[in-house]
Every structure is written in structure tokens, then in C-alpha cells.
Amino acid sequence: MWKPWAYQFRDSPGRDDVEALADEGVPRQILVRSCPGADGLVDGYVLQGIDISSRTAVYIWVRRGEPDTVAAYLLELLAEDCPKGSSW
């Protein structure tokens, strides 16, 4: 029987940790959104880890900032997690 992915979102300031189910394929590395009424500011989550056997993806909070600043921050995180020789 097919089981959906459980997405766990952690460490968001002022919010409790959240878990959501998703019918999508493999979880994405980054989930970022525009902040409503914030003139282009974005926030979101970066994938911290995946447990294939339980189909759980754990995301951690990304600080809010201008899109270019957040993009640079995310690239820095990806560089740490996925070194140059990586297949990612």
C-alpha cells in the first residue's frame, strides 16, 4: 500500500512545530514562500533530513529576508550539505 510523505516543519519562531501529509513525489530541498504584504520578503524551510523507511521529511526554518539574501543563505546551507563532488 502506498503511503504519503509526512513533512515535519520545525523551529519556526512564534509557531509550534507542524506535521503535514503530502501526496507528492520526493520532498524538495527548499520550501520558500513570499510573505503576505511584506514587499518581496521571503521565508520558509530547508530540508534537514529524510527517513525513507517512514517516508518522513524534516525541515528547519529559514530566516526571513530579501529574496537575494535568503537565496545566498540557502546556497550556503546546500554547499555545506552537498559538497562540490556530490551527485546533488
PDB file of N, CA and C in Angstrom:
ATOM      1  N   MET A   1       0.832  -1.179   0.000  1.00  0.00           N
ATOM      2  CA  MET A   1       0.000   0.000   0.000  1.00  0.00           C
ATOM      3  C   MET A   1       0.879   1.245   0.000  1.00  0.00           C
ATOM      4  N   TRP A   2       0.534   2.233  -0.809  1.00  0.00           N
ATOM      5  CA  TRP A   2       1.284   3.477  -0.917  1.00  0.00           C
ATOM      6  C   TRP A   2       1.036   4.355   0.296  1.00  0.00           C
ATOM      7  N   LYS A   3       2.102   4.958   0.802  1.00  0.00           N
ATOM      8  CA  LYS A   3       1.999   5.811   1.986  1.00  0.00           C
ATOM      9  C   LYS A   3       2.449   7.231   1.616  1.00  0.00           C
ATOM     10  N   PRO A   4       1.694   8.254   2.018  1.00  0.00           N
ATOM     11  CA  PRO A   4       2.113   9.631   1.706  1.00  0.00           C
ATOM     12  C   PRO A   4       3.329  10.038   2.541  1.00  0.00           C
ATOM     13  N   TRP A   5       4.003  11.099   2.100  1.00  0.00           N
ATOM     14  CA  TRP A   5       5.117  11.660   2.862  1.00  0.00           C
ATOM     15  C   TRP A   5       4.593  12.466   4.029  1.00  0.00           C
ATOM     16  N   ALA A   6       5.258  12.365   5.172  1.00  0.00           N
ATOM     17  CA  ALA A   6       4.971  13.221   6.321  1.00  0.00           C
ATOM     18  C   ALA A   6       6.041  14.310   6.338  1.00  0.00           C
ATOM     19  N   TYR A   7       5.611  15.561   6.245  1.00  0.00           N
ATOM     20  CA  TYR A   7       6.525  16.698   6.284  1.00  0.00           C
ATOM     21  C   TYR A   7       6.476  17.277   7.694  1.00  0.00           C
ATOM     22  N   GLN A   8       7.618  17.349   8.366  1.00  0.00           N
ATOM     23  CA  GLN A   8       7.705  17.963   9.689  1.00  0.00           C
ATOM     24  C   GLN A   8       8.411  19.311   9.541  1.00  0.00           C
ATOM     25  N   PHE A   9       7.743  20.371   9.983  1.00  0.00           N
ATOM     26  CA  PHE A   9       8.294  21.719   9.908  1.00  0.00           C
ATOM     27  C   PHE A   9       8.644  22.163  11.318  1.00  0.00           C
ATOM     28  N   ARG A  10       9.937  22.482  11.539  1.00  0.00           N
ATOM     29  CA  ARG A  10      10.422  22.769  12.889  1.00  0.00           C
ATOM     30  C   ARG A  10      11.101  24.134  12.985  1.00  0.00           C
ATOM     31  N   ASP A  11      11.151  24.641  14.223  1.00  0.00           N
ATOM     32  CA  ASP A  11      11.946  25.813  14.596  1.00  0.00           C
ATOM     33  C   ASP A  11      11.456  27.139  14.034  1.00  0.00           C
ATOM     34  N   SER A  12      10.207  27.220  13.615  1.00  0.00           N
ATOM     35  CA  SER A  12       9.657  28.493  13.145  1.00  0.00           C
ATOM     36  C   SER A  12       9.378  29.382  14.348  1.00  0.00           C
ATOM     37  N   PRO A  13       9.885  30.628  14.344  1.00  0.00           N
ATOM     38  CA  PRO A  13       9.674  31.487  15.507  1.00  0.00           C
ATOM     39  C   PRO A  13       8.195  31.822  15.714  1.00  0.00           C
ATOM     40  N   GLY A  14       7.726  31.691  16.939  1.00  0.00           N
ATOM     41  CA  GLY A  14       6.347  32.035  17.262  1.00  0.00           C
ATOM     42  C   GLY A  14       5.315  31.016  16.840  1.00  0.00           C
ATOM     43  N   ARG A  15       5.753  29.865  16.342  1.00  0.00           N
ATOM     44  CA  ARG A  15       4.815  28.816  15.918  1.00  0.00           C
ATOM     45  C   ARG A  15       5.246  27.481  16.499  1.00  0.00           C
ATOM     46  N   ASP A  16       4.266  26.623  16.750  1.00  0.00           N
ATOM     47  CA  ASP A  16       4.578  25.255  17.161  1.00  0.00           C
ATOM     48  C   ASP A  16       5.084  24.480  15.955  1.00  0.00           C
ATOM     49  N   ASP A  17       5.813  23.398  16.209  1.00  0.00           N
ATOM     50  CA  ASP A  17       6.210  22.508  15.119  1.00  0.00           C
ATOM     51  C   ASP A  17       4.955  21.917  14.498  1.00  0.00           C
ATOM     52  N   VAL A  18       4.993  21.680  13.190  1.00  0.00           N
ATOM     53  CA  VAL A  18       3.819  21.220  12.446  1.00  0.00           C
ATOM     54  C   VAL A  18       4.190  19.988  11.637  1.00  0.00           C
ATOM     55  N   GLU A  19       3.249  19.089  11.474  1.00  0.00           N
ATOM     56  CA  GLU A  19       3.424  17.947  10.576  1.00  0.00           C
ATOM     57  C   GLU A  19       2.281  17.940   9.580  1.00  0.00           C
ATOM     58  N   ALA A  20       2.610  17.728   8.306  1.00  0.00           N
ATOM     59  CA  ALA A  20       1.599  17.695   7.253  1.00  0.00           C
ATOM     60  C   ALA A  20       1.867  16.502   6.346  1.00  0.00           C
ATOM     61  N   LEU A  21       0.825  15.946   5.765  1.00  0.00           N
ATOM     62  CA  LEU A  21       0.961  14.845   4.820  1.00  0.00           C
ATOM     63  C   LEU A  21       0.923  15.394   3.398  1.00  0.00           C
ATOM     64  N   ALA A  22       1.706  14.786   2.515  1.00  0.00           N
ATOM     65  CA  ALA A  22       1.759  15.232   1.122  1.00  0.00           C
ATOM     66  C   ALA A  22       1.755  14.026   0.202  1.00  0.00           C
ATOM     67  N   ASP A  23       1.007  14.130  -0.884  1.00  0.00           N
ATOM     68  CA  ASP A  23       0.929  13.049  -1.864  1.00  0.00           C
ATOM     69  C   ASP A  23       1.951  13.210  -2.979  1.00  0.00           C
ATOM     70  N   GLU A  24       2.835  14.196  -2.861  1.00  0.00           N
ATOM     71  CA  GLU A  24       3.816  14.478  -3.907  1.00  0.00           C
ATOM     72  C   GLU A  24       4.902  13.419  -3.942  1.00  0.00           C
ATOM     73  N   GLY A  25       5.792  13.536  -4.948  1.00  0.00           N
ATOM     74  CA  GLY A  25       6.932  12.636  -5.055  1.00  0.00           C
ATOM     75  C   GLY A  25       7.950  12.915  -3.969  1.00  0.00           C
ATOM     76  N   VAL A  26       9.212  12.821  -4.293  1.00  0.00           N
ATOM     77  CA  VAL A  26      10.289  13.029  -3.335  1.00  0.00           C
ATOM     78  C   VAL A  26      10.265  14.468  -2.819  1.00  0.00           C
ATOM     79  N   PRO A  27      10.439  14.677  -1.523  1.00  0.00           N
ATOM     80  CA  PRO A  27      10.422  16.036  -0.965  1.00  0.00           C
ATOM     81  C   PRO A  27      11.495  16.930  -1.581  1.00  0.00           C
ATOM     82  N   ARG A  28      11.166  18.203  -1.738  1.00  0.00           N
ATOM     83  CA  ARG A  28      12.089  19.181  -2.298  1.00  0.00           C
ATOM     84  C   ARG A  28      13.096  19.618  -1.243  1.00  0.00           C
ATOM     85  N   GLN A  29      14.245  20.121  -1.693  1.00  0.00           N
ATOM     86  CA  GLN A  29      15.294  20.592  -0.788  1.00  0.00           C
ATOM     87  C   GLN A  29      14.883  21.855  -0.053  1.00  0.00           C
ATOM     88  N   ILE A  30      14.126  22.718  -0.715  1.00  0.00           N
ATOM     89  CA  ILE A  30      13.792  24.027  -0.163  1.00  0.00           C
ATOM     90  C   ILE A  30      12.311  24.306  -0.361  1.00  0.00           C
ATOM     91  N   LEU A  31      11.645  24.816   0.658  1.00  0.00           N
ATOM     92  CA  LEU A  31      10.262  25.276   0.563  1.00  0.00           C
ATOM     93  C   LEU A  31      10.251  26.722   1.048  1.00  0.00           C
ATOM     94  N   VAL A  32      10.156  27.669   0.115  1.00  0.00           N
ATOM     95  CA  VAL A  32      10.197  29.087   0.437  1.00  0.00           C
ATOM     96  C   VAL A  32       8.930  29.734  -0.076  1.00  0.00           C
ATOM     97  N   ARG A  33       8.450  30.767   0.618  1.00  0.00           N
ATOM     98  CA  ARG A  33       7.238  31.458   0.199  1.00  0.00           C
ATOM     99  C   ARG A  33       7.425  32.958   0.358  1.00  0.00           C
ATOM    100  N   SER A  34       6.678  33.721  -0.397  1.00  0.00           N
ATOM    101  CA  SER A  34       6.646  35.173  -0.202  1.00  0.00           C
ATOM    102  C   SER A  34       5.779  35.466   1.003  1.00  0.00           C
ATOM    103  N   CYS A  35       6.182  36.434   1.801  1.00  0.00           N
ATOM    104  CA  CYS A  35       5.408  36.825   2.971  1.00  0.00           C
ATOM    105  C   CYS A  35       4.307  37.787   2.539  1.00  0.00           C
ATOM    106  N   PRO A  36       3.063  37.517   2.917  1.00  0.00           N
ATOM    107  CA  PRO A  36       1.973  38.403   2.533  1.00  0.00           C
ATOM    108  C   PRO A  36       2.197  39.824   3.039  1.00  0.00           C
ATOM    109  N   GLY A  37       2.067  40.809   2.127  1.00  0.00           N
ATOM    110  CA  GLY A  37       2.196  42.211   2.482  1.00  0.00           C
ATOM    111  C   GLY A  37       3.585  42.614   2.957  1.00  0.00           C
ATOM    112  N   ALA A  38       4.625  41.869   2.572  1.00  0.00           N
ATOM    113  CA  ALA A  38       5.969  42.157   3.062  1.00  0.00           C
ATOM    114  C   ALA A  38       6.909  42.657   1.968  1.00  0.00           C
ATOM    115  N   ASP A  39       6.370  43.088   0.849  1.00  0.00           N
ATOM    116  CA  ASP A  39       7.164  43.708  -0.215  1.00  0.00           C
ATOM    117  C   ASP A  39       8.349  42.864  -0.689  1.00  0.00           C
ATOM    118  N   GLY A  40       8.112  41.606  -1.020  1.00  0.00           N
ATOM    119  CA  GLY A  40       9.156  40.760  -1.577  1.00  0.00           C
ATOM    120  C   GLY A  40       9.979  39.987  -0.570  1.00  0.00           C
ATOM    121  N   LEU A  41       9.705  40.144   0.712  1.00  0.00           N
ATOM    122  CA  LEU A  41      10.435  39.348   1.694  1.00  0.00           C
ATOM    123  C   LEU A  41       9.962  37.899   1.611  1.00  0.00           C
ATOM    124  N   VAL A  42      10.874  36.988   1.866  1.00  0.00           N
ATOM    125  CA  VAL A  42      10.521  35.569   1.815  1.00  0.00           C
ATOM    126  C   VAL A  42      10.959  34.881   3.104  1.00  0.00           C
ATOM    127  N   ASP A  43      10.313  33.779   3.396  1.00  0.00           N
ATOM    128  CA  ASP A  43      10.747  32.902   4.473  1.00  0.00           C
ATOM    129  C   ASP A  43      10.404  31.483   4.061  1.00  0.00           C
ATOM    130  N   GLY A  44      10.777  30.528   4.869  1.00  0.00           N
ATOM    131  CA  GLY A  44      10.466  29.155   4.509  1.00  0.00           C
ATOM    132  C   GLY A  44      11.334  28.165   5.254  1.00  0.00           C
ATOM    133  N   TYR A  45      11.528  27.001   4.640  1.00  0.00           N
ATOM    134  CA  TYR A  45      12.214  25.886   5.287  1.00  0.00           C
ATOM    135  C   TYR A  45      13.227  25.245   4.348  1.00  0.00           C
ATOM    136  N   VAL A  46      14.255  24.654   4.948  1.00  0.00           N
ATOM    137  CA  VAL A  46      15.267  23.891   4.223  1.00  0.00           C
ATOM    138  C   VAL A  46      15.200  22.458   4.730  1.00  0.00           C
ATOM    139  N   LEU A  47      15.303  21.516   3.813  1.00  0.00           N
ATOM    140  CA  LEU A  47      15.263  20.103   4.177  1.00  0.00           C
ATOM    141  C   LEU A  47      16.466  19.754   5.044  1.00  0.00           C
ATOM    142  N   GLN A  48      16.192  19.229   6.232  1.00  0.00           N
ATOM    143  CA  GLN A  48      17.257  18.840   7.157  1.00  0.00           C
ATOM    144  C   GLN A  48      17.589  17.358   6.998  1.00  0.00           C
ATOM    145  N   GLY A  49      16.581  16.536   6.738  1.00  0.00           N
ATOM    146  CA  GLY A  49      16.824  15.111   6.602  1.00  0.00           C
ATOM    147  C   GLY A  49      15.591  14.359   6.149  1.00  0.00           C
ATOM    148  N   ILE A  50      15.828  13.168   5.606  1.00  0.00           N
ATOM    149  CA  ILE A  50      14.744  12.307   5.127  1.00  0.00           C
ATOM    150  C   ILE A  50      14.923  10.918   5.729  1.00  0.00           C
ATOM    151  N   ASP A  51      13.812  10.334   6.157  1.00  0.00           N
ATOM    152  CA  ASP A  51      13.793   8.935   6.575  1.00  0.00           C
ATOM    153  C   ASP A  51      12.937   8.202   5.550  1.00  0.00           C
ATOM    154  N   ILE A  52      13.596   7.508   4.648  1.00  0.00           N
ATOM    155  CA  ILE A  52      12.899   6.822   3.547  1.00  0.00           C
ATOM    156  C   ILE A  52      11.944   5.756   4.074  1.00  0.00           C
ATOM    157  N   SER A  53      12.371   5.000   5.087  1.00  0.00           N
ATOM    158  CA  SER A  53      11.530   3.894   5.569  1.00  0.00           C
ATOM    159  C   SER A  53      10.204   4.380   6.150  1.00  0.00           C
ATOM    160  N   SER A  54      10.218   5.522   6.842  1.00  0.00           N
ATOM    161  CA  SER A  54       8.965   6.043   7.398  1.00  0.00           C
ATOM    162  C   SER A  54       8.350   7.124   6.503  1.00  0.00           C
ATOM    163  N   ARG A  55       9.037   7.439   5.396  1.00  0.00           N
ATOM    164  CA  ARG A  55       8.601   8.478   4.441  1.00  0.00           C
ATOM    165  C   ARG A  55       8.334   9.801   5.174  1.00  0.00           C
ATOM    166  N   THR A  56       9.345  10.207   5.955  1.00  0.00           N
ATOM    167  CA  THR A  56       9.267  11.450   6.714  1.00  0.00           C
ATOM    168  C   THR A  56      10.378  12.392   6.266  1.00  0.00           C
ATOM    169  N   ALA A  57      10.003  13.641   5.996  1.00  0.00           N
ATOM    170  CA  ALA A  57      10.960  14.683   5.647  1.00  0.00           C
ATOM    171  C   ALA A  57      10.918  15.748   6.732  1.00  0.00           C
ATOM    172  N   VAL A  58      12.075  16.084   7.275  1.00  0.00           N
ATOM    173  CA  VAL A  58      12.162  17.075   8.348  1.00  0.00           C
ATOM    174  C   VAL A  58      12.772  18.357   7.784  1.00  0.00           C
ATOM    175  N   TYR A  59      12.048  19.471   7.982  1.00  0.00           N
ATOM    176  CA  TYR A  59      12.501  20.777   7.511  1.00  0.00           C
ATOM    177  C   TYR A  59      12.775  21.691   8.691  1.00  0.00           C
ATOM    178  N   ILE A  60      13.801  22.568   8.548  1.00  0.00           N
ATOM    179  CA  ILE A  60      14.087  23.565   9.568  1.00  0.00           C
ATOM    180  C   ILE A  60      13.842  24.959   8.991  1.00  0.00           C
ATOM    181  N   TRP A  61      13.546  25.896   9.852  1.00  0.00           N
ATOM    182  CA  TRP A  61      13.177  27.263   9.496  1.00  0.00           C
ATOM    183  C   TRP A  61      14.337  28.023   8.847  1.00  0.00           C
ATOM    184  N   VAL A  62      14.012  28.831   7.843  1.00  0.00           N
ATOM    185  CA  VAL A  62      14.966  29.739   7.207  1.00  0.00           C
ATOM    186  C   VAL A  62      14.601  31.148   7.627  1.00  0.00           C
ATOM    187  N   ARG A  63      15.567  31.926   8.045  1.00  0.00           N
ATOM    188  CA  ARG A  63      15.294  33.293   8.478  1.00  0.00           C
ATOM    189  C   ARG A  63      14.700  34.130   7.350  1.00  0.00           C
ATOM    190  N   ARG A  64      13.917  35.098   7.714  1.00  0.00           N
ATOM    191  CA  ARG A  64      13.251  35.975   6.752  1.00  0.00           C
ATOM    192  C   ARG A  64      14.239  37.018   6.236  1.00  0.00           C
ATOM    193  N   GLY A  65      14.100  37.350   4.962  1.00  0.00           N
ATOM    194  CA  GLY A  65      14.960  38.378   4.379  1.00  0.00           C
ATOM    195  C   GLY A  65      14.587  38.653   2.941  1.00  0.00           C
ATOM    196  N   GLU A  66      15.345  39.526   2.306  1.00  0.00           N
ATOM    197  CA  GLU A  66      15.138  39.805   0.893  1.00  0.00           C
ATOM    198  C   GLU A  66      15.425  38.518   0.114  1.00  0.00           C
ATOM    199  N   PRO A  67      14.758  38.325  -1.037  1.00  0.00           N
ATOM    200  CA  PRO A  67      14.968  37.082  -1.788  1.00  0.00           C
ATOM    201  C   PRO A  67      16.443  36.781  -2.072  1.00  0.00           C
ATOM    202  N   ASP A  68      17.239  37.791  -2.428  1.00  0.00           N
ATOM    203  CA  ASP A  68      18.653  37.543  -2.722  1.00  0.00           C
ATOM    204  C   ASP A  68      19.413  37.085  -1.487  1.00  0.00           C
ATOM    205  N   THR A  69      19.106  37.673  -0.342  1.00  0.00           N
ATOM    206  CA  THR A  69      19.763  37.290   0.908  1.00  0.00           C
ATOM    207  C   THR A  69      19.408  35.865   1.288  1.00  0.00           C
ATOM    208  N   VAL A  70      18.134  35.524   1.179  1.00  0.00           N
ATOM    209  CA  VAL A  70      17.702  34.166   1.516  1.00  0.00           C
ATOM    210  C   VAL A  70      18.301  33.170   0.535  1.00  0.00           C
ATOM    211  N   ALA A  71      18.338  33.530  -0.758  1.00  0.00           N
ATOM    212  CA  ALA A  71      18.925  32.633  -1.754  1.00  0.00           C
ATOM    213  C   ALA A  71      20.392  32.357  -1.421  1.00  0.00           C
ATOM    214  N   ALA A  72      21.135  33.394  -1.033  1.00  0.00           N
ATOM    215  CA  ALA A  72      22.546  33.212  -0.673  1.00  0.00           C
ATOM    216  C   ALA A  72      22.666  32.310   0.559  1.00  0.00           C
ATOM    217  N   TYR A  73      21.796  32.509   1.531  1.00  0.00           N
ATOM    218  CA  TYR A  73      21.795  31.688   2.750  1.00  0.00           C
ATOM    219  C   TYR A  73      21.505  30.223   2.403  1.00  0.00           C
ATOM    220  N   LEU A  74      20.526  30.002   1.542  1.00  0.00           N
ATOM    221  CA  LEU A  74      20.172  28.639   1.164  1.00  0.00           C
ATOM    222  C   LEU A  74      21.301  27.982   0.383  1.00  0.00           C
ATOM    223  N   LEU A  75      21.954  28.737  -0.507  1.00  0.00           N
ATOM    224  CA  LEU A  75      23.083  28.179  -1.255  1.00  0.00           C
ATOM    225  C   LEU A  75      24.224  27.799  -0.310  1.00  0.00           C
ATOM    226  N   GLU A  76      24.441  28.613   0.713  1.00  0.00           N
ATOM    227  CA  GLU A  76      25.464  28.310   1.707  1.00  0.00           C
ATOM    228  C   GLU A  76      25.123  27.010   2.443  1.00  0.00           C
ATOM    229  N   LEU A  77      23.855  26.851   2.838  1.00  0.00           N
ATOM    230  CA  LEU A  77      23.439  25.614   3.511  1.00  0.00           C
ATOM    231  C   LEU A  77      23.602  24.408   2.601  1.00  0.00           C
ATOM    232  N   LEU A  78      23.198  24.553   1.339  1.00  0.00           N
ATOM    233  CA  LEU A  78      23.323  23.449   0.391  1.00  0.00           C
ATOM    234  C   LEU A  78      24.780  23.094   0.154  1.00  0.00           C
ATOM    235  N   ALA A  79      25.655  24.096   0.107  1.00  0.00           N
ATOM    236  CA  ALA A  79      27.081  23.841  -0.088  1.00  0.00           C
ATOM    237  C   ALA A  79      27.641  23.020   1.071  1.00  0.00           C
ATOM    238  N   GLU A  80      27.153  23.279   2.284  1.00  0.00           N
ATOM    239  CA  GLU A  80      27.596  22.509   3.446  1.00  0.00           C
ATOM    240  C   GLU A  80      27.082  21.075   3.381  1.00  0.00           C
ATOM    241  N   ASP A  81      25.813  20.919   2.979  1.00  0.00           N
ATOM    242  CA  ASP A  81      25.190  19.593   2.951  1.00  0.00           C
ATOM    243  C   ASP A  81      25.540  18.791   1.712  1.00  0.00           C
ATOM    244  N   CYS A  82      25.809  19.469   0.607  1.00  0.00           N
ATOM    245  CA  CYS A  82      26.072  18.807  -0.669  1.00  0.00           C
ATOM    246  C   CYS A  82      27.384  19.341  -1.239  1.00  0.00           C
ATOM    247  N   PRO A  83      28.536  18.829  -0.796  1.00  0.00           N
ATOM    248  CA  PRO A  83      29.822  19.324  -1.272  1.00  0.00           C
ATOM    249  C   PRO A  83      29.963  19.217  -2.789  1.00  0.00           C
ATOM    250  N   LYS A  84      30.948  19.903  -3.322  1.00  0.00           N
ATOM    251  CA  LYS A  84      31.149  20.023  -4.768  1.00  0.00           C
ATOM    252  C   LYS A  84      31.151  18.675  -5.494  1.00  0.00           C
ATOM    253  N   GLY A  85      31.745  17.662  -4.943  1.00  0.00           N
ATOM    254  CA  GLY A  85      31.814  16.357  -5.588  1.00  0.00           C
ATOM    255  C   GLY A  85      30.537  15.533  -5.462  1.00  0.00           C
ATOM    256  N   SER A  86      29.522  16.061  -4.790  1.00  0.00           N
ATOM    257  CA  SER A  86      28.291  15.323  -4.547  1.00  0.00           C
ATOM    258  C   SER A  86      27.489  15.129  -5.818  1.00  0.00           C
ATOM    259  N   SER A  87      26.692  14.077  -5.854  1.00  0.00           N
ATOM    260  CA  SER A  87      25.829  13.827  -7.015  1.00  0.00           C
ATOM    261  C   SER A  87      24.634  14.758  -7.072  1.00  0.00           C
ATOM    262  N   TRP A  88      24.401  15.555  -5.977  1.00  0.00           N
ATOM    263  CA  TRP A  88      23.304  16.516  -5.976  1.00  0.00           C
ATOM    264  C   TRP A  88      23.726  17.644  -6.829  1.00  0.00           C
TER     265      TRP A  88
END
